C-alpha atoms as a PDB file:
ATOM      1  CA  UNK A   1      82.976  94.550 125.680  1.00  0.00           C
ATOM      2  CA  UNK A   2      86.779  93.430 125.913  1.00  0.00           C
ATOM      3  CA  UNK A   3      89.074  94.173 123.373  1.00  0.00           C
ATOM      4  CA  UNK A   4      90.136  91.498 121.025  1.00  0.00           C
ATOM      5  CA  UNK A   5      93.318  89.978 121.755  1.00  0.00           C
ATOM      6  CA  UNK A   6      95.440  89.723 118.701  1.00  0.00           C
ATOM      7  CA  UNK A   7      98.938  87.608 118.683  1.00  0.00           C
ATOM      8  CA  UNK A   8     101.378  86.846 115.705  1.00  0.00           C
ATOM      9  CA  UNK A   9     103.393  84.022 114.578  1.00  0.00           C
ATOM     10  CA  UNK A  10     107.083  84.850 113.353  1.00  0.00           C
ATOM     11  CA  UNK A  11     105.995  85.442 109.599  1.00  0.00           C
ATOM     12  CA  UNK A  12     103.656  88.062 110.019  1.00  0.00           C
ATOM     13  CA  UNK A  13     104.467  90.088 112.963  1.00  0.00           C
ATOM     14  CA  UNK A  14     105.041  93.389 110.938  1.00  0.00           C
ATOM     15  CA  UNK A  15     101.386  92.788 109.472  1.00  0.00           C
ATOM     16  CA  UNK A  16     100.181  92.295 113.077  1.00  0.00           C
ATOM     17  CA  UNK A  17     101.913  95.280 114.893  1.00  0.00           C
ATOM     18  CA  UNK A  18     100.094  97.338 111.763  1.00  0.00           C
ATOM     19  CA  UNK A  19      96.723  95.568 112.422  1.00  0.00           C
ATOM     20  CA  UNK A  20      96.988  96.653 116.048  1.00  0.00           C
ATOM     21  CA  UNK A  21      97.904 100.323 114.989  1.00  0.00           C
ATOM     22  CA  UNK A  22      94.662 100.175 113.030  1.00  0.00           C
ATOM     23  CA  UNK A  23      92.834  99.067 116.086  1.00  0.00           C
ATOM     24  CA  UNK A  24      94.787 100.829 118.898  1.00  0.00           C
ATOM     25  CA  UNK A  25      95.354  97.802 120.678  1.00  0.00           C
ATOM     26  CA  UNK A  26      98.817  96.277 121.556  1.00  0.00           C
ATOM     27  CA  UNK A  27     100.212  93.369 120.174  1.00  0.00           C
ATOM     28  CA  UNK A  28      99.612  90.332 122.597  1.00  0.00           C
ATOM     29  CA  UNK A  29     102.635  88.982 124.296  1.00  0.00           C
ATOM     30  CA  UNK A  30     103.840  85.487 123.184  1.00  0.00           C
ATOM     31  CA  UNK A  31     107.001  83.860 122.566  1.00  0.00           C
ATOM     32  CA  UNK A  32     107.073  81.745 119.286  1.00  0.00           C
ATOM     33  CA  UNK A  33     110.636  79.708 119.522  1.00  0.00           C
ATOM     34  CA  UNK A  34     112.610  76.920 119.151  1.00  0.00           C
ATOM     35  CA  UNK A  35     114.038  74.237 121.178  1.00  0.00           C
ATOM     36  CA  UNK A  36     117.163  72.930 120.304  1.00  0.00           C
ATOM     37  CA  UNK A  37     116.444  70.145 118.238  1.00  0.00           C
ATOM     38  CA  UNK A  38     114.727  72.886 116.174  1.00  0.00           C
ATOM     39  CA  UNK A  39     111.132  72.055 117.280  1.00  0.00           C
ATOM     40  CA  UNK A  40     108.334  75.001 117.446  1.00  0.00           C
ATOM     41  CA  UNK A  41     107.439  76.265 120.898  1.00  0.00           C
ATOM     42  CA  UNK A  42     104.574  78.195 121.848  1.00  0.00           C
ATOM     43  CA  UNK A  43     103.715  80.204 124.983  1.00  0.00           C
ATOM     44  CA  UNK A  44     101.155  82.587 125.640  1.00  0.00           C
ATOM     45  CA  UNK A  45     102.582  85.066 128.723  1.00  0.00           C
ATOM     46  CA  UNK A  46      99.455  86.798 129.318  1.00  0.00           C
ATOM     47  CA  UNK A  47      96.231  85.396 130.730  1.00  0.00           C
ATOM     48  CA  UNK A  48      93.756  84.604 127.733  1.00  0.00           C
ATOM     49  CA  UNK A  49      91.252  82.904 129.239  1.00  0.00           C
ATOM     50  CA  UNK A  50      87.228  83.402 128.060  1.00  0.00           C
ATOM     51  CA  UNK A  51      88.905  85.979 125.318  1.00  0.00           C
ATOM     52  CA  UNK A  52      88.775  86.743 121.834  1.00  0.00           C
ATOM     53  CA  UNK A  53      91.674  85.554 120.379  1.00  0.00           C
ATOM     54  CA  UNK A  54      92.936  86.393 116.803  1.00  0.00           C
ATOM     55  CA  UNK A  55      96.351  84.589 115.871  1.00  0.00           C
ATOM     56  CA  UNK A  56      97.932  86.313 112.524  1.00  0.00           C
ATOM     57  CA  UNK A  57     100.322  83.699 110.619  1.00  0.00           C
ATOM     58  CA  UNK A  58     100.865  83.702 106.859  1.00  0.00           C
ATOM     59  CA  UNK A  59     101.268  79.949 106.301  1.00  0.00           C
ATOM     60  CA  UNK A  60     103.253  80.017 103.280  1.00  0.00           C
ATOM     61  CA  UNK A  61     106.575  77.963 102.887  1.00  0.00           C
ATOM     62  CA  UNK A  62     108.668  77.194 104.801  1.00  0.00           C
ATOM     63  CA  UNK A  63     106.302  74.601 106.432  1.00  0.00           C
ATOM     64  CA  UNK A  64     107.894  75.998 109.742  1.00  0.00           C
ATOM     65  CA  UNK A  65     105.336  78.648 109.674  1.00  0.00           C
ATOM     66  CA  UNK A  66     102.451  76.807 109.359  1.00  0.00           C
ATOM     67  CA  UNK A  67     103.235  74.267 111.990  1.00  0.00           C
ATOM     68  CA  UNK A  68     103.817  77.617 114.477  1.00  0.00           C
ATOM     69  CA  UNK A  69     100.373  78.187 113.717  1.00  0.00           C
ATOM     70  CA  UNK A  70      99.047  75.212 114.506  1.00  0.00           C
ATOM     71  CA  UNK A  71     101.303  75.079 117.679  1.00  0.00           C
ATOM     72  CA  UNK A  72      99.077  78.551 118.805  1.00  0.00           C
ATOM     73  CA  UNK A  73      95.890  77.881 118.209  1.00  0.00           C
ATOM     74  CA  UNK A  74      96.278  74.471 120.726  1.00  0.00           C
ATOM     75  CA  UNK A  75      98.066  76.659 123.218  1.00  0.00           C
ATOM     76  CA  UNK A  76      95.039  79.261 123.109  1.00  0.00           C
ATOM     77  CA  UNK A  77      92.526  76.569 123.177  1.00  0.00           C
ATOM     78  CA  UNK A  78      94.091  74.816 125.916  1.00  0.00           C
ATOM     79  CA  UNK A  79      94.591  78.282 127.633  1.00  0.00           C
ATOM     80  CA  UNK A  80      90.624  78.689 127.965  1.00  0.00           C
ATOM     81  CA  UNK A  81      90.063  81.115 124.758  1.00  0.00           C
ATOM     82  CA  UNK A  82      86.129  82.130 124.555  1.00  0.00           C
ATOM     83  CA  UNK A  83      86.914  81.953 120.580  1.00  0.00           C
ATOM     84  CA  UNK A  84      90.193  81.251 118.687  1.00  0.00           C
ATOM     85  CA  UNK A  85      90.308  83.051 115.197  1.00  0.00           C
ATOM     86  CA  UNK A  86      93.072  81.869 112.793  1.00  0.00           C
ATOM     87  CA  UNK A  87      93.898  85.271 110.886  1.00  0.00           C
ATOM     88  CA  UNK A  88      95.948  83.807 107.599  1.00  0.00           C
ATOM     89  CA  UNK A  89      96.861  86.593 105.009  1.00  0.00           C
ATOM     90  CA  UNK A  90      98.631  84.569 102.815  1.00  0.00           C
ATOM     91  CA  UNK A  91      97.077  80.646 102.653  1.00  0.00           C
ATOM     92  CA  UNK A  92      99.675  78.575 101.815  1.00  0.00           C
ATOM     93  CA  UNK A  93      99.446  75.139 100.168  1.00  0.00           C
ATOM     94  CA  UNK A  94      96.485  76.188  98.333  1.00  0.00           C
ATOM     95  CA  UNK A  95      98.089  75.092  94.944  1.00  0.00           C
ATOM     96  CA  UNK A  96      97.192  71.352  94.880  1.00  0.00           C
ATOM     97  CA  UNK A  97      93.121  71.856  95.685  1.00  0.00           C
ATOM     98  CA  UNK A  98      92.025  69.021  93.569  1.00  0.00           C
ATOM     99  CA  UNK A  99      92.876  65.662  92.731  1.00  0.00           C
ATOM    100  CA  UNK A 100      93.820  66.575  89.245  1.00  0.00           C
ATOM    101  CA  UNK A 101      95.914  63.410  88.485  1.00  0.00           C
ATOM    102  CA  UNK A 102      96.620  59.884  89.797  1.00  0.00           C
ATOM    103  CA  UNK A 103      97.976  59.611  93.142  1.00  0.00           C
ATOM    104  CA  UNK A 104      98.157  63.214  94.225  1.00  0.00           C
ATOM    105  CA  UNK A 105      96.943  64.694  97.431  1.00  0.00           C
ATOM    106  CA  UNK A 106      94.418  67.577  98.004  1.00  0.00           C
ATOM    107  CA  UNK A 107      96.915  69.551 100.479  1.00  0.00           C
ATOM    108  CA  UNK A 108      94.568  72.892 100.669  1.00  0.00           C
ATOM    109  CA  UNK A 109      92.215  70.756 102.575  1.00  0.00           C
ATOM    110  CA  UNK A 110      94.507  68.373 104.176  1.00  0.00           C
ATOM    111  CA  UNK A 111      95.453  72.239 105.754  1.00  0.00           C
ATOM    112  CA  UNK A 112      92.279  73.202 106.337  1.00  0.00           C
ATOM    113  CA  UNK A 113      91.821  69.851 108.779  1.00  0.00           C
ATOM    114  CA  UNK A 114      95.110  70.495 110.263  1.00  0.00           C
ATOM    115  CA  UNK A 115      93.682  73.920 111.341  1.00  0.00           C
ATOM    116  CA  UNK A 116      90.643  73.417 112.072  1.00  0.00           C
ATOM    117  CA  UNK A 117      91.649  70.133 114.283  1.00  0.00           C
ATOM    118  CA  UNK A 118      94.305  72.387 116.112  1.00  0.00           C
ATOM    119  CA  UNK A 119      91.522  74.799 117.779  1.00  0.00           C
ATOM    120  CA  UNK A 120      90.535  77.425 115.597  1.00  0.00           C
ATOM    121  CA  UNK A 121      86.861  78.447 115.818  1.00  0.00           C
ATOM    122  CA  UNK A 122      87.038  80.809 112.665  1.00  0.00           C
ATOM    123  CA  UNK A 123      89.219  81.615 109.755  1.00  0.00           C
ATOM    124  CA  UNK A 124      89.794  84.982 107.844  1.00  0.00           C
ATOM    125  CA  UNK A 125      91.880  84.390 104.718  1.00  0.00           C
ATOM    126  CA  UNK A 126      93.054  87.108 101.959  1.00  0.00           C
ATOM    127  CA  UNK A 127      92.665  85.963  98.162  1.00  0.00           C
ATOM    128  CA  UNK A 128      92.345  82.427  98.076  1.00  0.00           C
ATOM    129  CA  UNK A 129      94.532  80.865  94.891  1.00  0.00           C
ATOM    130  CA  UNK A 130      91.096  78.950  94.264  1.00  0.00           C
ATOM    131  CA  UNK A 131      87.659  80.402  96.107  1.00  0.00           C
ATOM    132  CA  UNK A 132      86.751  76.525  96.208  1.00  0.00           C
ATOM    133  CA  UNK A 133      89.053  76.158  99.251  1.00  0.00           C
ATOM    134  CA  UNK A 134      86.458  78.170 101.685  1.00  0.00           C
ATOM    135  CA  UNK A 135      84.294  74.953 101.363  1.00  0.00           C
ATOM    136  CA  UNK A 136      87.410  72.709 102.571  1.00  0.00           C
ATOM    137  CA  UNK A 137      86.755  74.004 106.542  1.00  0.00           C
ATOM    138  CA  UNK A 138      83.870  73.248 108.693  1.00  0.00           C
ATOM    139  CA  UNK A 139      84.417  76.373 110.836  1.00  0.00           C
ATOM    140  CA  UNK A 140      83.010  79.725 109.867  1.00  0.00           C
ATOM    141  CA  UNK A 141      85.037  81.336 107.173  1.00  0.00           C
ATOM    142  CA  UNK A 142      85.890  84.600 105.599  1.00  0.00           C
ATOM    143  CA  UNK A 143      87.640  85.440 102.428  1.00  0.00           C
ATOM    144  CA  UNK A 144      88.702  88.973 102.107  1.00  0.00           C
ATOM    145  CA  UNK A 145      90.127  90.421  98.674  1.00  0.00           C
ATOM    146  CA  UNK A 146      93.154  92.937  98.290  1.00  0.00           C
ATOM    147  CA  UNK A 147      90.894  94.630  95.719  1.00  0.00           C
ATOM    148  CA  UNK A 148      90.214  97.894  97.090  1.00  0.00           C
ATOM    149  CA  UNK A 149      93.820  98.829  98.404  1.00  0.00           C
ATOM    150  CA  UNK A 150      95.102  97.942  94.727  1.00  0.00           C
ATOM    151  CA  UNK A 151      92.531  99.437  92.994  1.00  0.00           C
ATOM    152  CA  UNK A 152      92.234 102.541  95.011  1.00  0.00           C
ATOM    153  CA  UNK A 153      96.274 102.924  94.044  1.00  0.00           C
ATOM    154  CA  UNK A 154      95.776 102.559  90.371  1.00  0.00           C
ATOM    155  CA  UNK A 155      92.949 105.261  90.255  1.00  0.00           C
ATOM    156  CA  UNK A 156      95.041 107.784  92.082  1.00  0.00           C
ATOM    157  CA  UNK A 157      97.659 107.355  89.444  1.00  0.00           C
ATOM    158  CA  UNK A 158      95.113 108.287  86.699  1.00  0.00           C
ATOM    159  CA  UNK A 159      96.602 105.891  83.833  1.00  0.00           C
ATOM    160  CA  UNK A 160      94.810 107.253  80.833  1.00  0.00           C
ATOM    161  CA  UNK A 161      93.334 104.268  77.855  1.00  0.00           C
ATOM    162  CA  UNK A 162      93.801 101.529  80.629  1.00  0.00           C
ATOM    163  CA  UNK A 163      93.098  97.739  79.723  1.00  0.00           C
ATOM    164  CA  UNK A 164      93.186  95.225  82.196  1.00  0.00           C
ATOM    165  CA  UNK A 165      94.722  91.744  81.399  1.00  0.00           C
ATOM    166  CA  UNK A 166      94.567  88.116  82.648  1.00  0.00           C
ATOM    167  CA  UNK A 167      98.311  86.758  82.382  1.00  0.00           C
ATOM    168  CA  UNK A 168      96.673  83.409  82.382  1.00  0.00           C
ATOM    169  CA  UNK A 169      93.397  81.541  82.186  1.00  0.00           C
ATOM    170  CA  UNK A 170      92.909  80.810  85.963  1.00  0.00           C
ATOM    171  CA  UNK A 171      93.173  84.720  86.543  1.00  0.00           C
ATOM    172  CA  UNK A 172      90.510  85.807  84.059  1.00  0.00           C
ATOM    173  CA  UNK A 173      87.441  86.153  86.834  1.00  0.00           C
ATOM    174  CA  UNK A 174      89.555  88.560  89.197  1.00  0.00           C
ATOM    175  CA  UNK A 175      91.039  90.486  85.955  1.00  0.00           C
ATOM    176  CA  UNK A 176      87.207  91.027  85.001  1.00  0.00           C
ATOM    177  CA  UNK A 177      86.061  92.378  88.507  1.00  0.00           C
ATOM    178  CA  UNK A 178      88.859  94.334  88.183  1.00  0.00           C
ATOM    179  CA  UNK A 179      88.262  96.270  85.120  1.00  0.00           C
ATOM    180  CA  UNK A 180      84.945  96.559  85.915  1.00  0.00           C
ATOM    181  CA  UNK A 181      85.554  98.359  89.281  1.00  0.00           C
ATOM    182  CA  UNK A 182      88.382 100.537  87.218  1.00  0.00           C
ATOM    183  CA  UNK A 183      85.804 101.338  84.196  1.00  0.00           C
ATOM    184  CA  UNK A 184      88.350  99.172  81.891  1.00  0.00           C
ATOM    185  CA  UNK A 185      88.485  97.215  78.888  1.00  0.00           C
ATOM    186  CA  UNK A 186      89.481  93.571  79.349  1.00  0.00           C
ATOM    187  CA  UNK A 187      92.001  91.378  77.672  1.00  0.00           C
ATOM    188  CA  UNK A 188      93.522  87.824  78.410  1.00  0.00           C
ATOM    189  CA  UNK A 189      96.635  86.017  77.644  1.00  0.00           C
ATOM    190  CA  UNK A 190      96.074  82.441  76.767  1.00  0.00           C
ATOM    191  CA  UNK A 191      99.877  80.463  77.158  1.00  0.00           C
ATOM    192  CA  UNK A 192     100.120  77.395  75.508  1.00  0.00           C
ATOM    193  CA  UNK A 193     102.800  74.418  74.613  1.00  0.00           C
ATOM    194  CA  UNK A 194     101.601  72.540  71.565  1.00  0.00           C
ATOM    195  CA  UNK A 195     104.596  69.861  72.437  1.00  0.00           C
ATOM    196  CA  UNK A 196     105.780  68.837  75.818  1.00  0.00           C
ATOM    197  CA  UNK A 197     109.222  69.704  74.385  1.00  0.00           C
ATOM    198  CA  UNK A 198     108.148  73.116  72.286  1.00  0.00           C
ATOM    199  CA  UNK A 199     108.225  76.556  73.314  1.00  0.00           C
ATOM    200  CA  UNK A 200     104.727  78.433  74.624  1.00  0.00           C
ATOM    201  CA  UNK A 201     102.925  80.002  72.225  1.00  0.00           C
ATOM    202  CA  UNK A 202     100.997  83.309  73.716  1.00  0.00           C
ATOM    203  CA  UNK A 203      98.158  84.267  72.469  1.00  0.00           C
ATOM    204  CA  UNK A 204      96.559  87.800  73.324  1.00  0.00           C
ATOM    205  CA  UNK A 205      92.805  87.839  73.309  1.00  0.00           C
ATOM    206  CA  UNK A 206      91.830  91.355  72.894  1.00  0.00           C
ATOM    207  CA  UNK A 207      92.764  94.663  71.096  1.00  0.00           C
ATOM    208  CA  UNK A 208      95.687  96.112  73.233  1.00  0.00           C
ATOM    209  CA  UNK A 209      97.549  98.199  70.807  1.00  0.00           C
ATOM    210  CA  UNK A 210      98.313 102.061  72.215  1.00  0.00           C
ATOM    211  CA  UNK A 211      96.774 101.016  75.600  1.00  0.00           C
ATOM    212  CA  UNK A 212      98.538 100.946  79.061  1.00  0.00           C
ATOM    213  CA  UNK A 213      98.186  97.783  80.459  1.00  0.00           C
ATOM    214  CA  UNK A 214      97.757  96.319  84.250  1.00  0.00           C
ATOM    215  CA  UNK A 215      97.955  92.816  85.014  1.00  0.00           C
ATOM    216  CA  UNK A 216      96.083  91.546  88.215  1.00  0.00           C
ATOM    217  CA  UNK A 217      96.756  88.319  89.640  1.00  0.00           C
ATOM    218  CA  UNK A 218      96.622  86.770  93.121  1.00  0.00           C
ATOM    219  CA  UNK A 219     100.409  85.896  93.497  1.00  0.00           C
ATOM    220  CA  UNK A 220     103.527  85.595  92.015  1.00  0.00           C
ATOM    221  CA  UNK A 221     105.962  83.300  92.708  1.00  0.00           C
ATOM    222  CA  UNK A 222     109.175  82.620  89.955  1.00  0.00           C
ATOM    223  CA  UNK A 223     107.430  85.559  87.774  1.00  0.00           C
ATOM    224  CA  UNK A 224     107.527  83.366  84.375  1.00  0.00           C
ATOM    225  CA  UNK A 225     103.865  83.912  83.622  1.00  0.00           C
ATOM    226  CA  UNK A 226     103.744  87.478  84.241  1.00  0.00           C
ATOM    227  CA  UNK A 227     106.694  88.316  82.665  1.00  0.00           C
ATOM    228  CA  UNK A 228     105.831  86.036  79.857  1.00  0.00           C
ATOM    229  CA  UNK A 229     102.591  87.710  79.253  1.00  0.00           C
ATOM    230  CA  UNK A 230     104.091  91.043  79.713  1.00  0.00           C
ATOM    231  CA  UNK A 231     106.722  90.637  76.666  1.00  0.00           C
ATOM    232  CA  UNK A 232     103.680  89.467  74.586  1.00  0.00           C
ATOM    233  CA  UNK A 233     101.599  92.165  75.560  1.00  0.00           C
ATOM    234  CA  UNK A 234     104.350  94.815  74.477  1.00  0.00           C
ATOM    235  CA  UNK A 235     105.222  92.925  71.270  1.00  0.00           C
ATOM    236  CA  UNK A 236     101.236  93.559  70.182  1.00  0.00           C
ATOM    237  CA  UNK A 237     101.922  97.135  70.623  1.00  0.00           C
ATOM    238  CA  UNK A 238     101.085  98.211  74.268  1.00  0.00           C
ATOM    239  CA  UNK A 239     102.370 100.968  75.608  1.00  0.00           C
ATOM    240  CA  UNK A 240     103.038 101.030  79.474  1.00  0.00           C
ATOM    241  CA  UNK A 241     102.676  97.852  81.428  1.00  0.00           C
ATOM    242  CA  UNK A 242     102.105  97.528  85.108  1.00  0.00           C
ATOM    243  CA  UNK A 243     100.891  94.478  87.623  1.00  0.00           C
ATOM    244  CA  UNK A 244      98.960  93.937  90.910  1.00  0.00           C
ATOM    245  CA  UNK A 245      99.196  91.177  92.686  1.00  0.00           C
ATOM    246  CA  UNK A 246      97.709  90.340  96.411  1.00  0.00           C
ATOM    247  CA  UNK A 247     100.864  87.521  97.507  1.00  0.00           C
ATOM    248  CA  UNK A 248     104.027  88.632  96.902  1.00  0.00           C
ATOM    249  CA  UNK A 249     106.035  84.993  96.992  1.00  0.00           C
ATOM    250  CA  UNK A 250     109.308  85.736  95.294  1.00  0.00           C
ATOM    251  CA  UNK A 251     110.846  82.692  94.569  1.00  0.00           C
ATOM    252  CA  UNK A 252     114.814  82.925  93.683  1.00  0.00           C
ATOM    253  CA  UNK A 253     115.007  84.690  90.681  1.00  0.00           C
ATOM    254  CA  UNK A 254     111.880  86.721  90.134  1.00  0.00           C
ATOM    255  CA  UNK A 255     113.174  89.905  90.723  1.00  0.00           C
ATOM    256  CA  UNK A 256     115.908  89.386  87.999  1.00  0.00           C
ATOM    257  CA  UNK A 257     113.338  88.401  86.056  1.00  0.00           C
ATOM    258  CA  UNK A 258     111.327  91.163  86.739  1.00  0.00           C
ATOM    259  CA  UNK A 259     114.255  93.662  86.376  1.00  0.00           C
ATOM    260  CA  UNK A 260     114.737  92.243  82.479  1.00  0.00           C
ATOM    261  CA  UNK A 261     110.727  92.653  81.222  1.00  0.00           C
ATOM    262  CA  UNK A 262     108.674  95.394  80.221  1.00  0.00           C
ATOM    263  CA  UNK A 263     106.834  95.376  83.750  1.00  0.00           C
ATOM    264  CA  UNK A 264     107.174  99.327  84.403  1.00  0.00           C
ATOM    265  CA  UNK A 265     106.086  98.973  88.270  1.00  0.00           C
ATOM    266  CA  UNK A 266     104.739  95.748  90.245  1.00  0.00           C
ATOM    267  CA  UNK A 267     102.321  96.741  93.297  1.00  0.00           C
ATOM    268  CA  UNK A 268     102.264  93.927  96.265  1.00  0.00           C
ATOM    269  CA  UNK A 269     100.907  93.817  99.571  1.00  0.00           C
ATOM    270  CA  UNK A 270     102.148  93.240 102.959  1.00  0.00           C
ATOM    271  CA  UNK A 271     100.384  89.487 103.125  1.00  0.00           C
ATOM    272  CA  UNK A 272     103.953  88.342 103.181  1.00  0.00           C
ATOM    273  CA  UNK A 273     107.300  89.628 104.668  1.00  0.00           C
ATOM    274  CA  UNK A 274     109.396  91.031 101.930  1.00  0.00           C
ATOM    275  CA  UNK A 275     112.347  92.801 103.231  1.00  0.00           C
ATOM    276  CA  UNK A 276     114.134  95.099 100.680  1.00  0.00           C
ATOM    277  CA  UNK A 277     112.255  95.248  97.770  1.00  0.00           C
ATOM    278  CA  UNK A 278     113.618  96.565  94.209  1.00  0.00           C
ATOM    279  CA  UNK A 279     112.850  99.808  92.942  1.00  0.00           C
ATOM    280  CA  UNK A 280     110.033  98.880  90.881  1.00  0.00           C
ATOM    281  CA  UNK A 281     108.058  96.921  93.379  1.00  0.00           C
ATOM    282  CA  UNK A 282     105.820  98.870  95.467  1.00  0.00           C
ATOM    283  CA  UNK A 283     104.397  97.129  98.672  1.00  0.00           C
ATOM    284  CA  UNK A 284     100.629  98.546  99.855  1.00  0.00           C
ATOM    285  CA  UNK A 285      99.444  97.500 103.663  1.00  0.00           C
ATOM    286  CA  UNK A 286      96.166  95.399 103.902  1.00  0.00           C
ATOM    287  CA  UNK A 287      96.345  96.049 107.753  1.00  0.00           C
ATOM    288  CA  UNK A 288      93.016  98.476 107.435  1.00  0.00           C
ATOM    289  CA  UNK A 289      91.231  95.886 105.682  1.00  0.00           C
ATOM    290  CA  UNK A 290      91.822  92.821 108.108  1.00  0.00           C
ATOM    291  CA  UNK A 291      91.709  95.089 111.106  1.00  0.00           C
ATOM    292  CA  UNK A 292      88.447  96.305 110.037  1.00  0.00           C
ATOM    293  CA  UNK A 293      87.698  92.382 109.328  1.00  0.00           C
ATOM    294  CA  UNK A 294      88.805  91.628 112.943  1.00  0.00           C
ATOM    295  CA  UNK A 295      86.777  94.206 114.778  1.00  0.00           C
ATOM    296  CA  UNK A 296      83.890  93.136 112.867  1.00  0.00           C
ATOM    297  CA  UNK A 297      84.442  89.393 113.901  1.00  0.00           C
ATOM    298  CA  UNK A 298      84.705  90.609 117.476  1.00  0.00           C
ATOM    299  CA  UNK A 299      81.637  92.954 117.767  1.00  0.00           C
ATOM    300  CA  UNK A 300      79.331  90.300 115.969  1.00  0.00           C
ATOM    301  CA  UNK A 301      78.753  92.656 113.033  1.00  0.00           C
ATOM    302  CA  UNK A 302      78.639  91.790 109.157  1.00  0.00           C
ATOM    303  CA  UNK A 303      81.225  91.381 107.093  1.00  0.00           C
ATOM    304  CA  UNK A 304      79.490  91.703 104.047  1.00  0.00           C
ATOM    305  CA  UNK A 305      80.354  95.462 102.818  1.00  0.00           C
ATOM    306  CA  UNK A 306      84.283  94.034 102.881  1.00  0.00           C
ATOM    307  CA  UNK A 307      83.839  91.124  99.875  1.00  0.00           C
ATOM    308  CA  UNK A 308      84.358  93.339  97.429  1.00  0.00           C
END
């Protein structure tokens, strides 16, 4: 069987290289650049006719990253690739996954349609903001989790009296799964705003006094929810506070909030490029999980054991 062909958009070059190192295959030669007016240009510099092509590209903001993926998918399809798989370490534009107010879009469905129409035969992603987004795709879709990497890291730290806490209602299911794997108890921070102009009230459901707490969530952007939850937990007698997050988006001000918070260490993965991170932020790689999935898809083997 011919080896799989892996290419990268500009948002995921480092991760794609790590995946290629795990699989011992070279990163494909493709140019993804800009015309003078800023439009995206993509070209494969090697023959991919009849090949099993994987294009690695996170699709968060700016929109150029999504556009790069779409243009690369179209180029691969027109170059007669046998199969084209969109590998989305981070699936952007996922927050609007339902019509929860009048005259609002369902952006996650729009992006799913764009990826499919652009030429993807299959999609592979990690830790979706909402699992139901899988149903927005009309092509085979594989949803992986960063849990094995994060769980292994915290198991090796051997933190005693550990309690897993969900920082908000939306992350309860994820936190429950982590608590089960770590053999820890579960607690929840319930954030409420009594009036539109009122300060939020943080209710902690569960006994966290004298516990070492670790939060788990799928994404950190501004860091407000996580840092406020950490302060509420600390006020109720928690000893040490850690956090594990799959996707580190880190908007402006996020690192400053983190530095001022009780969180000792925040662990994120390399689904997004981060550059230089503060001392209390640790980055783990998910290249092994994604690489194993790419290999199994290429060899037409089951991915079930990876869905932890």
